[in-house]
């Protein structure tokens, strides 16, 4: 009969292994918003209002997300306020904030989000754009009339990517041409949507 191996003095005991596993189970769930929670430029109400998540993924339901150069994003935000959008209906994140938020959200994505994949692919594109210096403007959109006004105004600037987050779907807005800086997360024959309102898409690399 083979002899049982004698545990090394450095090997954790079964009880220690159980305690270590239990400590991980008791750790609070990571919030992807924590990457910007310590930024003094953002208030607690802004974080709560604009940086919502779903299944661990950045998913600001009821908002539009537009990715532009920093100067264009600031100018568009000012134009929206001049056109009647409330001052507290927009939030501008710089390139570093945007990239950090996208990366944290990708890392903390829940199983369902990984299976569905659409949210993750959008985040990967936004993260690449942010790595190239783009900012992200988040705009509260109450209804289709707000969307129409937003699209009309934003059409004056070169928008890299624009989406409206509905409760159960992400709608590509007809703004700009999506040019992915790095490797495309989309398949060869994959398109975001087949609706007429989709943004024009450049050929995937």
C-alpha atoms as a PDB file:
ATOM      1  CA  UNK A   1       0.000   0.000   0.000  1.00  0.00           C
ATOM      2  CA  UNK A   2       1.533   3.366  -1.033  1.00  0.00           C
ATOM      3  CA  UNK A   3       2.400   5.708   1.776  1.00  0.00           C
ATOM      4  CA  UNK A   4       0.583   9.039   2.063  1.00  0.00           C
ATOM      5  CA  UNK A   5       2.839  12.017   1.363  1.00  0.00           C
ATOM      6  CA  UNK A   6       3.787  13.945   4.463  1.00  0.00           C
ATOM      7  CA  UNK A   7       2.656  17.600   4.159  1.00  0.00           C
ATOM      8  CA  UNK A   8       5.464  20.118   4.046  1.00  0.00           C
ATOM      9  CA  UNK A   9       5.822  22.456   6.990  1.00  0.00           C
ATOM     10  CA  UNK A  10       5.174  25.328   4.558  1.00  0.00           C
ATOM     11  CA  UNK A  11       1.942  23.831   3.193  1.00  0.00           C
ATOM     12  CA  UNK A  12      -1.264  25.444   4.487  1.00  0.00           C
ATOM     13  CA  UNK A  13      -3.536  23.202   6.496  1.00  0.00           C
ATOM     14  CA  UNK A  14      -7.055  22.394   5.249  1.00  0.00           C
ATOM     15  CA  UNK A  15      -8.459  24.855   7.802  1.00  0.00           C
ATOM     16  CA  UNK A  16      -6.127  27.620   6.576  1.00  0.00           C
ATOM     17  CA  UNK A  17      -7.125  26.912   2.980  1.00  0.00           C
ATOM     18  CA  UNK A  18     -10.798  27.159   3.943  1.00  0.00           C
ATOM     19  CA  UNK A  19     -10.225  30.458   5.780  1.00  0.00           C
ATOM     20  CA  UNK A  20      -8.405  31.909   2.754  1.00  0.00           C
ATOM     21  CA  UNK A  21     -11.224  30.909   0.389  1.00  0.00           C
ATOM     22  CA  UNK A  22     -13.833  32.233   2.793  1.00  0.00           C
ATOM     23  CA  UNK A  23     -12.052  35.586   3.049  1.00  0.00           C
ATOM     24  CA  UNK A  24     -12.250  35.976  -0.733  1.00  0.00           C
ATOM     25  CA  UNK A  25     -15.963  35.154  -0.685  1.00  0.00           C
ATOM     26  CA  UNK A  26     -16.510  37.870   1.909  1.00  0.00           C
ATOM     27  CA  UNK A  27     -14.703  40.597  -0.043  1.00  0.00           C
ATOM     28  CA  UNK A  28     -17.100  43.286  -1.343  1.00  0.00           C
ATOM     29  CA  UNK A  29     -17.845  43.207  -5.043  1.00  0.00           C
ATOM     30  CA  UNK A  30     -15.579  45.475  -7.041  1.00  0.00           C
ATOM     31  CA  UNK A  31     -17.310  48.518  -8.499  1.00  0.00           C
ATOM     32  CA  UNK A  32     -15.879  49.565 -11.897  1.00  0.00           C
ATOM     33  CA  UNK A  33     -16.776  53.150 -10.983  1.00  0.00           C
ATOM     34  CA  UNK A  34     -14.106  53.084  -8.276  1.00  0.00           C
ATOM     35  CA  UNK A  35     -11.523  54.118 -10.880  1.00  0.00           C
ATOM     36  CA  UNK A  36     -13.030  57.617 -10.866  1.00  0.00           C
ATOM     37  CA  UNK A  37     -14.499  57.718  -7.367  1.00  0.00           C
ATOM     38  CA  UNK A  38     -11.471  59.471  -5.901  1.00  0.00           C
ATOM     39  CA  UNK A  39     -11.244  62.075  -8.664  1.00  0.00           C
ATOM     40  CA  UNK A  40     -11.982  65.482  -7.104  1.00  0.00           C
ATOM     41  CA  UNK A  41     -13.351  66.759 -10.421  1.00  0.00           C
ATOM     42  CA  UNK A  42     -16.364  64.436 -10.075  1.00  0.00           C
ATOM     43  CA  UNK A  43     -19.070  64.789  -7.446  1.00  0.00           C
ATOM     44  CA  UNK A  44     -20.800  61.856  -5.800  1.00  0.00           C
ATOM     45  CA  UNK A  45     -24.055  62.759  -7.556  1.00  0.00           C
ATOM     46  CA  UNK A  46     -22.313  62.752 -10.956  1.00  0.00           C
ATOM     47  CA  UNK A  47     -20.859  59.314 -10.331  1.00  0.00           C
ATOM     48  CA  UNK A  48     -24.230  58.007  -9.214  1.00  0.00           C
ATOM     49  CA  UNK A  49     -26.107  59.554 -12.129  1.00  0.00           C
ATOM     50  CA  UNK A  50     -23.795  58.918 -15.074  1.00  0.00           C
ATOM     51  CA  UNK A  51     -21.633  55.878 -14.270  1.00  0.00           C
ATOM     52  CA  UNK A  52     -24.211  53.122 -13.950  1.00  0.00           C
ATOM     53  CA  UNK A  53     -23.273  49.492 -14.584  1.00  0.00           C
ATOM     54  CA  UNK A  54     -25.059  46.281 -15.569  1.00  0.00           C
ATOM     55  CA  UNK A  55     -23.543  42.867 -14.834  1.00  0.00           C
ATOM     56  CA  UNK A  56     -20.365  44.697 -13.888  1.00  0.00           C
ATOM     57  CA  UNK A  57     -20.208  46.536 -17.218  1.00  0.00           C
ATOM     58  CA  UNK A  58     -20.475  50.291 -17.745  1.00  0.00           C
ATOM     59  CA  UNK A  59     -24.040  50.691 -19.007  1.00  0.00           C
ATOM     60  CA  UNK A  60     -25.524  54.194 -18.487  1.00  0.00           C
ATOM     61  CA  UNK A  61     -29.180  53.486 -19.262  1.00  0.00           C
ATOM     62  CA  UNK A  62     -31.025  56.603 -20.393  1.00  0.00           C
ATOM     63  CA  UNK A  63     -27.872  58.306 -21.628  1.00  0.00           C
ATOM     64  CA  UNK A  64     -25.979  58.823 -24.858  1.00  0.00           C
ATOM     65  CA  UNK A  65     -22.217  58.361 -24.988  1.00  0.00           C
ATOM     66  CA  UNK A  66     -20.156  60.305 -27.511  1.00  0.00           C
ATOM     67  CA  UNK A  67     -16.409  59.891 -28.021  1.00  0.00           C
ATOM     68  CA  UNK A  68     -14.577  62.892 -29.477  1.00  0.00           C
ATOM     69  CA  UNK A  69     -11.329  64.794 -29.168  1.00  0.00           C
ATOM     70  CA  UNK A  70     -11.079  66.716 -25.846  1.00  0.00           C
ATOM     71  CA  UNK A  71     -11.575  70.106 -27.507  1.00  0.00           C
ATOM     72  CA  UNK A  72     -14.566  68.933 -29.541  1.00  0.00           C
ATOM     73  CA  UNK A  73     -16.143  67.236 -26.526  1.00  0.00           C
ATOM     74  CA  UNK A  74     -15.921  70.443 -24.474  1.00  0.00           C
ATOM     75  CA  UNK A  75     -17.312  72.513 -27.346  1.00  0.00           C
ATOM     76  CA  UNK A  76     -20.207  70.090 -27.883  1.00  0.00           C
ATOM     77  CA  UNK A  77     -21.028  70.118 -24.169  1.00  0.00           C
ATOM     78  CA  UNK A  78     -21.214  73.915 -24.200  1.00  0.00           C
ATOM     79  CA  UNK A  79     -23.354  73.863 -27.353  1.00  0.00           C
ATOM     80  CA  UNK A  80     -25.783  71.415 -25.739  1.00  0.00           C
ATOM     81  CA  UNK A  81     -26.186  73.674 -22.712  1.00  0.00           C
ATOM     82  CA  UNK A  82     -26.736  76.689 -24.978  1.00  0.00           C
ATOM     83  CA  UNK A  83     -29.397  74.686 -26.835  1.00  0.00           C
ATOM     84  CA  UNK A  84     -31.370  73.982 -23.670  1.00  0.00           C
ATOM     85  CA  UNK A  85     -29.861  70.813 -22.204  1.00  0.00           C
ATOM     86  CA  UNK A  86     -29.609  71.285 -18.447  1.00  0.00           C
ATOM     87  CA  UNK A  87     -26.107  71.988 -17.062  1.00  0.00           C
ATOM     88  CA  UNK A  88     -26.337  68.832 -14.943  1.00  0.00           C
ATOM     89  CA  UNK A  89     -27.390  66.637 -17.883  1.00  0.00           C
ATOM     90  CA  UNK A  90     -23.855  66.099 -19.188  1.00  0.00           C
ATOM     91  CA  UNK A  91     -20.614  64.682 -17.824  1.00  0.00           C
ATOM     92  CA  UNK A  92     -17.250  64.933 -19.570  1.00  0.00           C
ATOM     93  CA  UNK A  93     -14.538  62.376 -18.806  1.00  0.00           C
ATOM     94  CA  UNK A  94     -11.011  62.970 -20.069  1.00  0.00           C
ATOM     95  CA  UNK A  95      -8.992  60.332 -21.897  1.00  0.00           C
ATOM     96  CA  UNK A  96      -7.404  58.888 -18.751  1.00  0.00           C
ATOM     97  CA  UNK A  97     -10.703  58.654 -16.875  1.00  0.00           C
ATOM     98  CA  UNK A  98     -12.394  57.065 -19.875  1.00  0.00           C
ATOM     99  CA  UNK A  99      -9.663  54.490 -20.495  1.00  0.00           C
ATOM    100  CA  UNK A 100      -9.475  53.551 -16.792  1.00  0.00           C
ATOM    101  CA  UNK A 101     -13.243  53.156 -16.560  1.00  0.00           C
ATOM    102  CA  UNK A 102     -13.407  51.010 -19.696  1.00  0.00           C
ATOM    103  CA  UNK A 103     -10.555  48.744 -18.566  1.00  0.00           C
ATOM    104  CA  UNK A 104     -12.032  48.238 -15.100  1.00  0.00           C
ATOM    105  CA  UNK A 105     -15.399  47.457 -16.640  1.00  0.00           C
ATOM    106  CA  UNK A 106     -13.865  44.928 -19.059  1.00  0.00           C
ATOM    107  CA  UNK A 107     -12.045  43.212 -16.207  1.00  0.00           C
ATOM    108  CA  UNK A 108     -15.075  43.062 -13.935  1.00  0.00           C
ATOM    109  CA  UNK A 109     -17.618  42.010 -16.561  1.00  0.00           C
ATOM    110  CA  UNK A 110     -20.060  39.415 -15.316  1.00  0.00           C
ATOM    111  CA  UNK A 111     -20.556  36.047 -17.002  1.00  0.00           C
ATOM    112  CA  UNK A 112     -23.726  37.165 -18.780  1.00  0.00           C
ATOM    113  CA  UNK A 113     -21.989  40.190 -20.273  1.00  0.00           C
ATOM    114  CA  UNK A 114     -19.117  38.036 -21.481  1.00  0.00           C
ATOM    115  CA  UNK A 115     -21.589  35.718 -23.202  1.00  0.00           C
ATOM    116  CA  UNK A 116     -23.615  38.488 -24.837  1.00  0.00           C
ATOM    117  CA  UNK A 117     -20.461  40.369 -25.762  1.00  0.00           C
ATOM    118  CA  UNK A 118     -21.973  43.511 -27.333  1.00  0.00           C
ATOM    119  CA  UNK A 119     -21.301  45.709 -24.317  1.00  0.00           C
ATOM    120  CA  UNK A 120     -17.730  44.427 -24.021  1.00  0.00           C
ATOM    121  CA  UNK A 121     -16.977  45.092 -27.698  1.00  0.00           C
ATOM    122  CA  UNK A 122     -18.254  48.640 -27.414  1.00  0.00           C
ATOM    123  CA  UNK A 123     -16.081  49.200 -24.343  1.00  0.00           C
ATOM    124  CA  UNK A 124     -13.033  47.847 -26.156  1.00  0.00           C
ATOM    125  CA  UNK A 125     -13.538  50.310 -29.001  1.00  0.00           C
ATOM    126  CA  UNK A 126     -14.061  53.240 -26.613  1.00  0.00           C
ATOM    127  CA  UNK A 127     -10.977  52.219 -24.625  1.00  0.00           C
ATOM    128  CA  UNK A 128      -8.849  52.175 -27.776  1.00  0.00           C
ATOM    129  CA  UNK A 129     -10.118  55.622 -28.729  1.00  0.00           C
ATOM    130  CA  UNK A 130      -9.384  56.911 -25.213  1.00  0.00           C
ATOM    131  CA  UNK A 131      -5.883  55.436 -25.364  1.00  0.00           C
ATOM    132  CA  UNK A 132      -5.448  57.571 -28.478  1.00  0.00           C
ATOM    133  CA  UNK A 133      -6.460  60.679 -26.535  1.00  0.00           C
ATOM    134  CA  UNK A 134     -10.228  60.891 -27.020  1.00  0.00           C
ATOM    135  CA  UNK A 135     -12.619  62.060 -24.305  1.00  0.00           C
ATOM    136  CA  UNK A 136     -16.099  60.745 -23.527  1.00  0.00           C
ATOM    137  CA  UNK A 137     -19.164  62.968 -23.199  1.00  0.00           C
ATOM    138  CA  UNK A 138     -22.149  61.368 -21.443  1.00  0.00           C
ATOM    139  CA  UNK A 139     -25.499  63.065 -22.080  1.00  0.00           C
ATOM    140  CA  UNK A 140     -28.836  62.421 -20.391  1.00  0.00           C
ATOM    141  CA  UNK A 141     -31.413  61.597 -23.106  1.00  0.00           C
ATOM    142  CA  UNK A 142     -35.019  61.499 -21.923  1.00  0.00           C
ATOM    143  CA  UNK A 143     -36.754  60.744 -25.221  1.00  0.00           C
ATOM    144  CA  UNK A 144     -36.471  60.647 -29.000  1.00  0.00           C
ATOM    145  CA  UNK A 145     -36.759  64.435 -29.208  1.00  0.00           C
ATOM    146  CA  UNK A 146     -33.676  64.815 -27.007  1.00  0.00           C
ATOM    147  CA  UNK A 147     -31.903  62.315 -29.249  1.00  0.00           C
ATOM    148  CA  UNK A 148     -32.861  64.260 -32.374  1.00  0.00           C
ATOM    149  CA  UNK A 149     -31.549  67.524 -30.921  1.00  0.00           C
ATOM    150  CA  UNK A 150     -28.367  65.840 -29.755  1.00  0.00           C
ATOM    151  CA  UNK A 151     -27.661  64.248 -33.143  1.00  0.00           C
ATOM    152  CA  UNK A 152     -28.374  67.510 -34.947  1.00  0.00           C
ATOM    153  CA  UNK A 153     -25.951  69.459 -32.768  1.00  0.00           C
ATOM    154  CA  UNK A 154     -23.252  66.794 -32.576  1.00  0.00           C
ATOM    155  CA  UNK A 155     -23.185  66.525 -36.355  1.00  0.00           C
ATOM    156  CA  UNK A 156     -21.097  69.703 -36.379  1.00  0.00           C
ATOM    157  CA  UNK A 157     -18.124  67.863 -34.872  1.00  0.00           C
ATOM    158  CA  UNK A 158     -16.125  64.777 -35.941  1.00  0.00           C
ATOM    159  CA  UNK A 159     -17.509  62.158 -33.565  1.00  0.00           C
ATOM    160  CA  UNK A 160     -15.506  58.934 -33.285  1.00  0.00           C
ATOM    161  CA  UNK A 161     -18.316  56.876 -31.752  1.00  0.00           C
ATOM    162  CA  UNK A 162     -21.849  57.624 -30.520  1.00  0.00           C
ATOM    163  CA  UNK A 163     -24.325  55.355 -28.749  1.00  0.00           C
ATOM    164  CA  UNK A 164     -27.602  55.667 -26.885  1.00  0.00           C
ATOM    165  CA  UNK A 165     -28.120  53.210 -24.035  1.00  0.00           C
ATOM    166  CA  UNK A 166     -31.682  51.918 -23.798  1.00  0.00           C
ATOM    167  CA  UNK A 167     -32.813  49.533 -21.066  1.00  0.00           C
ATOM    168  CA  UNK A 168     -32.311  46.430 -23.212  1.00  0.00           C
ATOM    169  CA  UNK A 169     -30.289  47.615 -26.198  1.00  0.00           C
ATOM    170  CA  UNK A 170     -27.431  49.842 -27.295  1.00  0.00           C
ATOM    171  CA  UNK A 171     -28.334  51.980 -30.294  1.00  0.00           C
ATOM    172  CA  UNK A 172     -25.605  53.288 -32.587  1.00  0.00           C
ATOM    173  CA  UNK A 173     -26.324  56.935 -33.378  1.00  0.00           C
ATOM    174  CA  UNK A 174     -25.885  58.218 -36.959  1.00  0.00           C
ATOM    175  CA  UNK A 175     -22.826  60.325 -36.176  1.00  0.00           C
ATOM    176  CA  UNK A 176     -19.376  60.215 -37.692  1.00  0.00           C
ATOM    177  CA  UNK A 177     -17.550  57.169 -38.954  1.00  0.00           C
ATOM    178  CA  UNK A 178     -16.273  54.609 -36.479  1.00  0.00           C
ATOM    179  CA  UNK A 179     -12.584  54.120 -37.173  1.00  0.00           C
ATOM    180  CA  UNK A 180     -11.132  51.647 -34.668  1.00  0.00           C
ATOM    181  CA  UNK A 181      -7.524  52.614 -33.830  1.00  0.00           C
ATOM    182  CA  UNK A 182      -6.286  49.109 -33.016  1.00  0.00           C
ATOM    183  CA  UNK A 183      -7.488  45.548 -33.425  1.00  0.00           C
ATOM    184  CA  UNK A 184     -11.196  45.351 -34.090  1.00  0.00           C
ATOM    185  CA  UNK A 185     -13.200  43.294 -31.568  1.00  0.00           C
ATOM    186  CA  UNK A 186     -15.811  42.520 -34.232  1.00  0.00           C
ATOM    187  CA  UNK A 187     -15.961  39.460 -36.433  1.00  0.00           C
ATOM    188  CA  UNK A 188     -15.339  39.615 -40.175  1.00  0.00           C
ATOM    189  CA  UNK A 189     -19.021  39.746 -41.128  1.00  0.00           C
ATOM    190  CA  UNK A 190     -20.314  41.213 -37.882  1.00  0.00           C
ATOM    191  CA  UNK A 191     -22.189  44.521 -37.758  1.00  0.00           C
ATOM    192  CA  UNK A 192     -23.484  46.363 -34.703  1.00  0.00           C
ATOM    193  CA  UNK A 193     -27.083  46.750 -35.820  1.00  0.00           C
ATOM    194  CA  UNK A 194     -29.094  46.555 -39.019  1.00  0.00           C
ATOM    195  CA  UNK A 195     -31.235  49.615 -38.366  1.00  0.00           C
ATOM    196  CA  UNK A 196     -31.229  52.513 -40.860  1.00  0.00           C
ATOM    197  CA  UNK A 197     -30.182  54.908 -38.066  1.00  0.00           C
ATOM    198  CA  UNK A 198     -26.830  53.199 -37.541  1.00  0.00           C
ATOM    199  CA  UNK A 199     -23.668  55.182 -37.942  1.00  0.00           C
ATOM    200  CA  UNK A 200     -21.632  54.618 -41.067  1.00  0.00           C
ATOM    201  CA  UNK A 201     -18.908  52.088 -40.382  1.00  0.00           C
ATOM    202  CA  UNK A 202     -15.460  51.935 -41.941  1.00  0.00           C
ATOM    203  CA  UNK A 203     -14.196  48.480 -43.001  1.00  0.00           C
ATOM    204  CA  UNK A 204     -12.913  46.543 -40.021  1.00  0.00           C
ATOM    205  CA  UNK A 205      -9.187  45.923 -39.856  1.00  0.00           C
END
